[in-house]
Amino acid sequence: KTEAVDNGFDEAIMLTESGHVSEGSAENLFML
């Protein structure tokens, strides 16, 4: 979260070690 805000964004999206999308810094993610 701090990395995202320091870079001018509102929120972060985190990947797993294998490179798949996991979730936000503290939120689940949905995509249409």
PDB file of all heavy atoms in Angstrom:
ATOM      1  N   LYS A   1       0.829  -1.210   0.000  1.00  0.00           N
ATOM      2  CA  LYS A   1       0.000   0.000   0.000  1.00  0.00           C
ATOM      3  C   LYS A   1       0.863   1.259   0.000  1.00  0.00           C
ATOM      4  O   LYS A   1       0.633   2.191  -0.780  1.00  0.00           O
ATOM      5  CB  LYS A   1      -0.901  -0.007   1.232  1.00  0.00           C
ATOM      6  CG  LYS A   1      -1.735   1.250   1.421  1.00  0.00           C
ATOM      7  CD  LYS A   1      -2.917   1.314   0.486  1.00  0.00           C
ATOM      8  CE  LYS A   1      -3.826   2.483   0.859  1.00  0.00           C
ATOM      9  NZ  LYS A   1      -5.093   2.469   0.118  1.00  0.00           N
ATOM     10  N   THR A   2       1.869   1.292   0.864  1.00  0.00           N
ATOM     11  CA  THR A   2       2.730   2.476   0.943  1.00  0.00           C
ATOM     12  C   THR A   2       3.514   2.671  -0.352  1.00  0.00           C
ATOM     13  O   THR A   2       3.678   3.810  -0.826  1.00  0.00           O
ATOM     14  CB  THR A   2       3.681   2.352   2.149  1.00  0.00           C
ATOM     15  OG1 THR A   2       2.905   2.384   3.346  1.00  0.00           O
ATOM     16  CG2 THR A   2       4.682   3.501   2.181  1.00  0.00           C
ATOM     17  N   GLU A   3       3.980   1.584  -0.938  1.00  0.00           N
ATOM     18  CA  GLU A   3       4.668   1.687  -2.225  1.00  0.00           C
ATOM     19  C   GLU A   3       3.766   2.318  -3.271  1.00  0.00           C
ATOM     20  O   GLU A   3       4.188   3.205  -4.035  1.00  0.00           O
ATOM     21  CB  GLU A   3       5.109   0.306  -2.693  1.00  0.00           C
ATOM     22  CG  GLU A   3       5.784   0.320  -4.075  1.00  0.00           C
ATOM     23  CD  GLU A   3       6.000  -1.063  -4.644  1.00  0.00           C
ATOM     24  OE1 GLU A   3       5.091  -1.910  -4.515  1.00  0.00           O
ATOM     25  OE2 GLU A   3       7.071  -1.293  -5.231  1.00  0.00           O
ATOM     26  N   ALA A   4       2.499   1.899  -3.305  1.00  0.00           N
ATOM     27  CA  ALA A   4       1.560   2.423  -4.295  1.00  0.00           C
ATOM     28  C   ALA A   4       1.307   3.914  -4.082  1.00  0.00           C
ATOM     29  O   ALA A   4       1.360   4.709  -5.030  1.00  0.00           O
ATOM     30  CB  ALA A   4       0.246   1.648  -4.226  1.00  0.00           C
ATOM     31  N   VAL A   5       1.038   4.292  -2.841  1.00  0.00           N
ATOM     32  CA  VAL A   5       0.751   5.703  -2.547  1.00  0.00           C
ATOM     33  C   VAL A   5       1.977   6.571  -2.816  1.00  0.00           C
ATOM     34  O   VAL A   5       1.870   7.671  -3.377  1.00  0.00           O
ATOM     35  CB  VAL A   5       0.269   5.854  -1.090  1.00  0.00           C
ATOM     36  CG1 VAL A   5       0.139   7.328  -0.721  1.00  0.00           C
ATOM     37  CG2 VAL A   5      -1.075   5.144  -0.904  1.00  0.00           C
ATOM     38  N   ASP A   6       3.165   6.094  -2.442  1.00  0.00           N
ATOM     39  CA  ASP A   6       4.392   6.849  -2.692  1.00  0.00           C
ATOM     40  C   ASP A   6       4.640   7.056  -4.184  1.00  0.00           C
ATOM     41  O   ASP A   6       5.337   7.993  -4.581  1.00  0.00           O
ATOM     42  CB  ASP A   6       5.597   6.134  -2.073  1.00  0.00           C
ATOM     43  CG  ASP A   6       5.668   6.302  -0.560  1.00  0.00           C
ATOM     44  OD1 ASP A   6       4.910   7.132  -0.019  1.00  0.00           O
ATOM     45  OD2 ASP A   6       6.478   5.599   0.081  1.00  0.00           O
ATOM     46  N   ASN A   7       4.091   6.170  -5.006  1.00  0.00           N
ATOM     47  CA  ASN A   7       4.252   6.282  -6.454  1.00  0.00           C
ATOM     48  C   ASN A   7       3.070   6.979  -7.134  1.00  0.00           C
ATOM     49  O   ASN A   7       2.959   6.955  -8.362  1.00  0.00           O
ATOM     50  CB  ASN A   7       4.462   4.896  -7.063  1.00  0.00           C
ATOM     51  CG  ASN A   7       5.891   4.400  -6.903  1.00  0.00           C
ATOM     52  OD1 ASN A   7       6.788   4.761  -7.655  1.00  0.00           O
ATOM     53  ND2 ASN A   7       6.110   3.575  -5.879  1.00  0.00           N
ATOM     54  N   GLY A   8       2.204   7.582  -6.339  1.00  0.00           N
ATOM     55  CA  GLY A   8       1.124   8.385  -6.893  1.00  0.00           C
ATOM     56  C   GLY A   8      -0.158   7.633  -7.190  1.00  0.00           C
ATOM     57  O   GLY A   8      -1.051   8.171  -7.841  1.00  0.00           O
ATOM     58  N   PHE A   9      -0.294   6.389  -6.697  1.00  0.00           N
ATOM     59  CA  PHE A   9      -1.495   5.602  -6.917  1.00  0.00           C
ATOM     60  C   PHE A   9      -2.331   5.550  -5.641  1.00  0.00           C
ATOM     61  O   PHE A   9      -1.886   5.934  -4.566  1.00  0.00           O
ATOM     62  CB  PHE A   9      -1.123   4.180  -7.359  1.00  0.00           C
ATOM     63  CG  PHE A   9      -0.431   4.110  -8.691  1.00  0.00           C
ATOM     64  CD1 PHE A   9       0.961   4.195  -8.781  1.00  0.00           C
ATOM     65  CD2 PHE A   9      -1.158   3.983  -9.863  1.00  0.00           C
ATOM     66  CE1 PHE A   9       1.603   4.142 -10.006  1.00  0.00           C
ATOM     67  CE2 PHE A   9      -0.524   3.923 -11.102  1.00  0.00           C
ATOM     68  CZ  PHE A   9       0.860   4.006 -11.166  1.00  0.00           C
ATOM     69  N   ASP A  10      -3.560   5.053  -5.786  1.00  0.00           N
ATOM     70  CA  ASP A  10      -4.449   4.927  -4.629  1.00  0.00           C
ATOM     71  C   ASP A  10      -4.302   3.587  -3.919  1.00  0.00           C
ATOM     72  O   ASP A  10      -4.499   3.493  -2.713  1.00  0.00           O
ATOM     73  CB  ASP A  10      -5.917   5.068  -5.067  1.00  0.00           C
ATOM     74  CG  ASP A  10      -6.196   6.383  -5.755  1.00  0.00           C
ATOM     75  OD1 ASP A  10      -5.927   7.432  -5.135  1.00  0.00           O
ATOM     76  OD2 ASP A  10      -6.671   6.375  -6.915  1.00  0.00           O
ATOM     77  N   GLU A  11      -3.976   2.546  -4.684  1.00  0.00           N
ATOM     78  CA  GLU A  11      -3.995   1.204  -4.124  1.00  0.00           C
ATOM     79  C   GLU A  11      -3.059   0.296  -4.905  1.00  0.00           C
ATOM     80  O   GLU A  11      -2.661   0.597  -6.031  1.00  0.00           O
ATOM     81  CB  GLU A  11      -5.424   0.654  -4.168  1.00  0.00           C
ATOM     82  CG  GLU A  11      -5.661  -0.675  -3.493  1.00  0.00           C
ATOM     83  CD  GLU A  11      -5.193  -0.713  -2.044  1.00  0.00           C
ATOM     84  OE1 GLU A  11      -4.001  -1.007  -1.839  1.00  0.00           O
ATOM     85  OE2 GLU A  11      -6.007  -0.453  -1.142  1.00  0.00           O
ATOM     86  N   ALA A  12      -2.688  -0.824  -4.271  1.00  0.00           N
ATOM     87  CA  ALA A  12      -1.799  -1.808  -4.880  1.00  0.00           C
ATOM     88  C   ALA A  12      -2.572  -3.065  -5.255  1.00  0.00           C
ATOM     89  O   ALA A  12      -3.556  -3.421  -4.605  1.00  0.00           O
ATOM     90  CB  ALA A  12      -0.673  -2.170  -3.916  1.00  0.00           C
ATOM     91  N   ILE A  13      -2.119  -3.733  -6.293  1.00  0.00           N
ATOM     92  CA  ILE A  13      -2.583  -5.070  -6.635  1.00  0.00           C
ATOM     93  C   ILE A  13      -1.377  -5.992  -6.515  1.00  0.00           C
ATOM     94  O   ILE A  13      -0.318  -5.721  -7.087  1.00  0.00           O
ATOM     95  CB  ILE A  13      -3.172  -5.123  -8.059  1.00  0.00           C
ATOM     96  CG1 ILE A  13      -4.462  -4.299  -8.120  1.00  0.00           C
ATOM     97  CG2 ILE A  13      -3.435  -6.570  -8.484  1.00  0.00           C
ATOM     98  CD1 ILE A  13      -5.056  -4.184  -9.510  1.00  0.00           C
ATOM     99  N   MET A  14      -1.541  -7.080  -5.776  1.00  0.00           N
ATOM    100  CA  MET A  14      -0.420  -7.954  -5.471  1.00  0.00           C
ATOM    101  C   MET A  14      -0.490  -9.237  -6.286  1.00  0.00           C
ATOM    102  O   MET A  14      -1.577  -9.759  -6.567  1.00  0.00           O
ATOM    103  CB  MET A  14      -0.381  -8.265  -3.981  1.00  0.00           C
ATOM    104  CG  MET A  14      -0.352  -7.022  -3.111  1.00  0.00           C
ATOM    105  SD  MET A  14      -0.172  -7.397  -1.353  1.00  0.00           S
ATOM    106  CE  MET A  14       1.571  -7.848  -1.283  1.00  0.00           C
ATOM    107  N   LEU A  15       0.670  -9.739  -6.669  1.00  0.00           N
ATOM    108  CA  LEU A  15       0.785 -11.001  -7.396  1.00  0.00           C
ATOM    109  C   LEU A  15       1.304 -12.089  -6.462  1.00  0.00           C
ATOM    110  O   LEU A  15       1.972 -11.809  -5.470  1.00  0.00           O
ATOM    111  CB  LEU A  15       1.745 -10.854  -8.580  1.00  0.00           C
ATOM    112  CG  LEU A  15       1.476  -9.729  -9.587  1.00  0.00           C
ATOM    113  CD1 LEU A  15       2.549  -9.754 -10.683  1.00  0.00           C
ATOM    114  CD2 LEU A  15       0.087  -9.840 -10.196  1.00  0.00           C
ATOM    115  N   THR A  16       1.030 -13.339  -6.821  1.00  0.00           N
ATOM    116  CA  THR A  16       1.603 -14.467  -6.103  1.00  0.00           C
ATOM    117  C   THR A  16       3.055 -14.654  -6.530  1.00  0.00           C
ATOM    118  O   THR A  16       3.522 -14.025  -7.485  1.00  0.00           O
ATOM    119  CB  THR A  16       0.818 -15.752  -6.402  1.00  0.00           C
ATOM    120  OG1 THR A  16       1.002 -16.087  -7.789  1.00  0.00           O
ATOM    121  CG2 THR A  16      -0.663 -15.581  -6.124  1.00  0.00           C
ATOM    122  N   GLU A  17       3.755 -15.532  -5.860  1.00  0.00           N
ATOM    123  CA  GLU A  17       5.131 -15.829  -6.244  1.00  0.00           C
ATOM    124  C   GLU A  17       5.197 -16.381  -7.667  1.00  0.00           C
ATOM    125  O   GLU A  17       6.191 -16.193  -8.370  1.00  0.00           O
ATOM    126  CB  GLU A  17       5.747 -16.828  -5.266  1.00  0.00           C
ATOM    127  CG  GLU A  17       6.108 -16.241  -3.903  1.00  0.00           C
ATOM    128  CD  GLU A  17       7.253 -15.252  -3.982  1.00  0.00           C
ATOM    129  OE1 GLU A  17       8.061 -15.339  -4.933  1.00  0.00           O
ATOM    130  OE2 GLU A  17       7.360 -14.389  -3.096  1.00  0.00           O
ATOM    131  N   SER A  18       4.139 -17.038  -8.119  1.00  0.00           N
ATOM    132  CA  SER A  18       4.121 -17.592  -9.475  1.00  0.00           C
ATOM    133  C   SER A  18       3.681 -16.566 -10.517  1.00  0.00           C
ATOM    134  O   SER A  18       3.652 -16.871 -11.707  1.00  0.00           O
ATOM    135  CB  SER A  18       3.183 -18.810  -9.532  1.00  0.00           C
ATOM    136  OG  SER A  18       1.854 -18.436  -9.216  1.00  0.00           O
ATOM    137  N   GLY A  19       3.341 -15.352 -10.069  1.00  0.00           N
ATOM    138  CA  GLY A  19       3.008 -14.284 -10.999  1.00  0.00           C
ATOM    139  C   GLY A  19       1.541 -14.113 -11.311  1.00  0.00           C
ATOM    140  O   GLY A  19       1.179 -13.316 -12.175  1.00  0.00           O
ATOM    141  N   HIS A  20       0.672 -14.831 -10.624  1.00  0.00           N
ATOM    142  CA  HIS A  20      -0.760 -14.666 -10.836  1.00  0.00           C
ATOM    143  C   HIS A  20      -1.305 -13.551  -9.945  1.00  0.00           C
ATOM    144  O   HIS A  20      -0.782 -13.301  -8.861  1.00  0.00           O
ATOM    145  CB  HIS A  20      -1.511 -15.971 -10.549  1.00  0.00           C
ATOM    146  CG  HIS A  20      -1.235 -17.049 -11.530  1.00  0.00           C
ATOM    147  ND1 HIS A  20      -0.869 -18.329 -11.146  1.00  0.00           N
ATOM    148  CD2 HIS A  20      -1.246 -17.056 -12.885  1.00  0.00           C
ATOM    149  CE1 HIS A  20      -0.686 -19.073 -12.221  1.00  0.00           C
ATOM    150  NE2 HIS A  20      -0.892 -18.319 -13.290  1.00  0.00           N
ATOM    151  N   VAL A  21      -2.360 -12.921 -10.419  1.00  0.00           N
ATOM    152  CA  VAL A  21      -3.020 -11.877  -9.633  1.00  0.00           C
ATOM    153  C   VAL A  21      -3.608 -12.506  -8.375  1.00  0.00           C
ATOM    154  O   VAL A  21      -4.269 -13.546  -8.442  1.00  0.00           O
ATOM    155  CB  VAL A  21      -4.121 -11.183 -10.457  1.00  0.00           C
ATOM    156  CG1 VAL A  21      -4.904 -10.212  -9.592  1.00  0.00           C
ATOM    157  CG2 VAL A  21      -3.514 -10.467 -11.659  1.00  0.00           C
ATOM    158  N   SER A  22      -3.373 -11.880  -7.231  1.00  0.00           N
ATOM    159  CA  SER A  22      -3.913 -12.389  -5.972  1.00  0.00           C
ATOM    160  C   SER A  22      -5.033 -11.487  -5.459  1.00  0.00           C
ATOM    161  O   SER A  22      -6.201 -11.843  -5.494  1.00  0.00           O
ATOM    162  CB  SER A  22      -2.815 -12.504  -4.922  1.00  0.00           C
ATOM    163  OG  SER A  22      -3.323 -13.005  -3.708  1.00  0.00           O
ATOM    164  N   GLU A  23      -4.685 -10.281  -5.004  1.00  0.00           N
ATOM    165  CA  GLU A  23      -5.680  -9.371  -4.443  1.00  0.00           C
ATOM    166  C   GLU A  23      -5.076  -7.987  -4.299  1.00  0.00           C
ATOM    167  O   GLU A  23      -3.912  -7.758  -4.639  1.00  0.00           O
ATOM    168  CB  GLU A  23      -6.164  -9.888  -3.083  1.00  0.00           C
ATOM    169  CG  GLU A  23      -5.073 -10.048  -2.042  1.00  0.00           C
ATOM    170  CD  GLU A  23      -5.603 -10.586  -0.714  1.00  0.00           C
ATOM    171  OE1 GLU A  23      -6.606 -11.319  -0.721  1.00  0.00           O
ATOM    172  OE2 GLU A  23      -5.009 -10.247   0.321  1.00  0.00           O
ATOM    173  N   GLY A  24      -5.876  -7.046  -3.789  1.00  0.00           N
ATOM    174  CA  GLY A  24      -5.352  -5.731  -3.453  1.00  0.00           C
ATOM    175  C   GLY A  24      -4.560  -5.816  -2.156  1.00  0.00           C
ATOM    176  O   GLY A  24      -4.312  -6.899  -1.626  1.00  0.00           O
ATOM    177  N   SER A  25      -4.165  -4.675  -1.624  1.00  0.00           N
ATOM    178  CA  SER A  25      -3.388  -4.713  -0.380  1.00  0.00           C
ATOM    179  C   SER A  25      -4.224  -5.275   0.766  1.00  0.00           C
ATOM    180  O   SER A  25      -3.692  -5.903   1.680  1.00  0.00           O
ATOM    181  CB  SER A  25      -2.871  -3.315  -0.027  1.00  0.00           C
ATOM    182  OG  SER A  25      -3.938  -2.462   0.345  1.00  0.00           O
ATOM    183  N   ALA A  26      -5.528  -5.056   0.719  1.00  0.00           N
ATOM    184  CA  ALA A  26      -6.414  -5.591   1.760  1.00  0.00           C
ATOM    185  C   ALA A  26      -7.824  -5.803   1.206  1.00  0.00           C
ATOM    186  O   ALA A  26      -8.803  -5.612   1.924  1.00  0.00           O
ATOM    187  CB  ALA A  26      -6.443  -4.660   2.962  1.00  0.00           C
ATOM    188  N   GLU A  27      -7.905  -6.172  -0.060  1.00  0.00           N
ATOM    189  CA  GLU A  27      -9.205  -6.339  -0.706  1.00  0.00           C
ATOM    190  C   GLU A  27      -9.147  -7.494  -1.703  1.00  0.00           C
ATOM    191  O   GLU A  27      -8.114  -7.723  -2.316  1.00  0.00           O
ATOM    192  CB  GLU A  27      -9.619  -5.075  -1.495  1.00  0.00           C
ATOM    193  CG  GLU A  27      -9.478  -3.765  -0.750  1.00  0.00           C
ATOM    194  CD  GLU A  27      -8.096  -3.139  -0.945  1.00  0.00           C
ATOM    195  OE1 GLU A  27      -7.331  -3.648  -1.792  1.00  0.00           O
ATOM    196  OE2 GLU A  27      -7.788  -2.159  -0.239  1.00  0.00           O
ATOM    197  N   ASN A  28     -10.254  -8.185  -1.872  1.00  0.00           N
ATOM    198  CA  ASN A  28     -10.366  -9.165  -2.943  1.00  0.00           C
ATOM    199  C   ASN A  28     -10.633  -8.464  -4.265  1.00  0.00           C
ATOM    200  O   ASN A  28     -11.091  -7.319  -4.305  1.00  0.00           O
ATOM    201  CB  ASN A  28     -11.494 -10.163  -2.640  1.00  0.00           C
ATOM    202  CG  ASN A  28     -11.167 -11.084  -1.473  1.00  0.00           C
ATOM    203  OD1 ASN A  28     -11.876 -11.117  -0.483  1.00  0.00           O
ATOM    204  ND2 ASN A  28     -10.091 -11.835  -1.581  1.00  0.00           N
ATOM    205  N   LEU A  29     -10.348  -9.161  -5.361  1.00  0.00           N
ATOM    206  CA  LEU A  29     -10.396  -8.556  -6.697  1.00  0.00           C
ATOM    207  C   LEU A  29     -11.369  -9.312  -7.602  1.00  0.00           C
ATOM    208  O   LEU A  29     -11.409 -10.549  -7.595  1.00  0.00           O
ATOM    209  CB  LEU A  29      -8.989  -8.559  -7.287  1.00  0.00           C
ATOM    210  CG  LEU A  29      -8.794  -8.012  -8.703  1.00  0.00           C
ATOM    211  CD1 LEU A  29      -7.429  -7.319  -8.815  1.00  0.00           C
ATOM    212  CD2 LEU A  29      -8.878  -9.135  -9.761  1.00  0.00           C
ATOM    213  N   PHE A  30     -12.136  -8.556  -8.375  1.00  0.00           N
ATOM    214  CA  PHE A  30     -13.040  -9.107  -9.387  1.00  0.00           C
ATOM    215  C   PHE A  30     -12.802  -8.385 -10.710  1.00  0.00           C
ATOM    216  O   PHE A  30     -12.587  -7.170 -10.728  1.00  0.00           O
ATOM    217  CB  PHE A  30     -14.505  -8.928  -8.976  1.00  0.00           C
ATOM    218  CG  PHE A  30     -14.955  -9.842  -7.876  1.00  0.00           C
ATOM    219  CD1 PHE A  30     -14.684  -9.529  -6.552  1.00  0.00           C
ATOM    220  CD2 PHE A  30     -15.653 -11.006  -8.151  1.00  0.00           C
ATOM    221  CE1 PHE A  30     -15.094 -10.366  -5.524  1.00  0.00           C
ATOM    222  CE2 PHE A  30     -16.066 -11.853  -7.135  1.00  0.00           C
ATOM    223  CZ  PHE A  30     -15.793 -11.534  -5.818  1.00  0.00           C
ATOM    224  N   MET A  31     -12.883  -9.136 -11.808  1.00  0.00           N
ATOM    225  CA  MET A  31     -12.631  -8.591 -13.137  1.00  0.00           C
ATOM    226  C   MET A  31     -13.755  -9.019 -14.075  1.00  0.00           C
ATOM    227  O   MET A  31     -14.152 -10.186 -14.089  1.00  0.00           O
ATOM    228  CB  MET A  31     -11.288  -9.127 -13.648  1.00  0.00           C
ATOM    229  CG  MET A  31     -10.881  -8.661 -15.025  1.00  0.00           C
ATOM    230  SD  MET A  31      -9.244  -9.350 -15.492  1.00  0.00           S
ATOM    231  CE  MET A  31      -9.726 -11.011 -15.968  1.00  0.00           C
ATOM    232  N   LEU A  32     -14.283  -8.070 -14.854  1.00  0.00           N
ATOM    233  CA  LEU A  32     -15.291  -8.376 -15.868  1.00  0.00           C
ATOM    234  C   LEU A  32     -14.618  -8.417 -17.231  1.00  0.00           C
ATOM    235  O   LEU A  32     -13.939  -7.469 -17.637  1.00  0.00           O
ATOM    236  CB  LEU A  32     -16.392  -7.308 -15.877  1.00  0.00           C
ATOM    237  CG  LEU A  32     -17.486  -7.486 -16.942  1.00  0.00           C
ATOM    238  CD1 LEU A  32     -18.321  -8.726 -16.671  1.00  0.00           C
ATOM    239  CD2 LEU A  32     -18.383  -6.243 -16.999  1.00  0.00           C
TER     240      LEU A  32
END
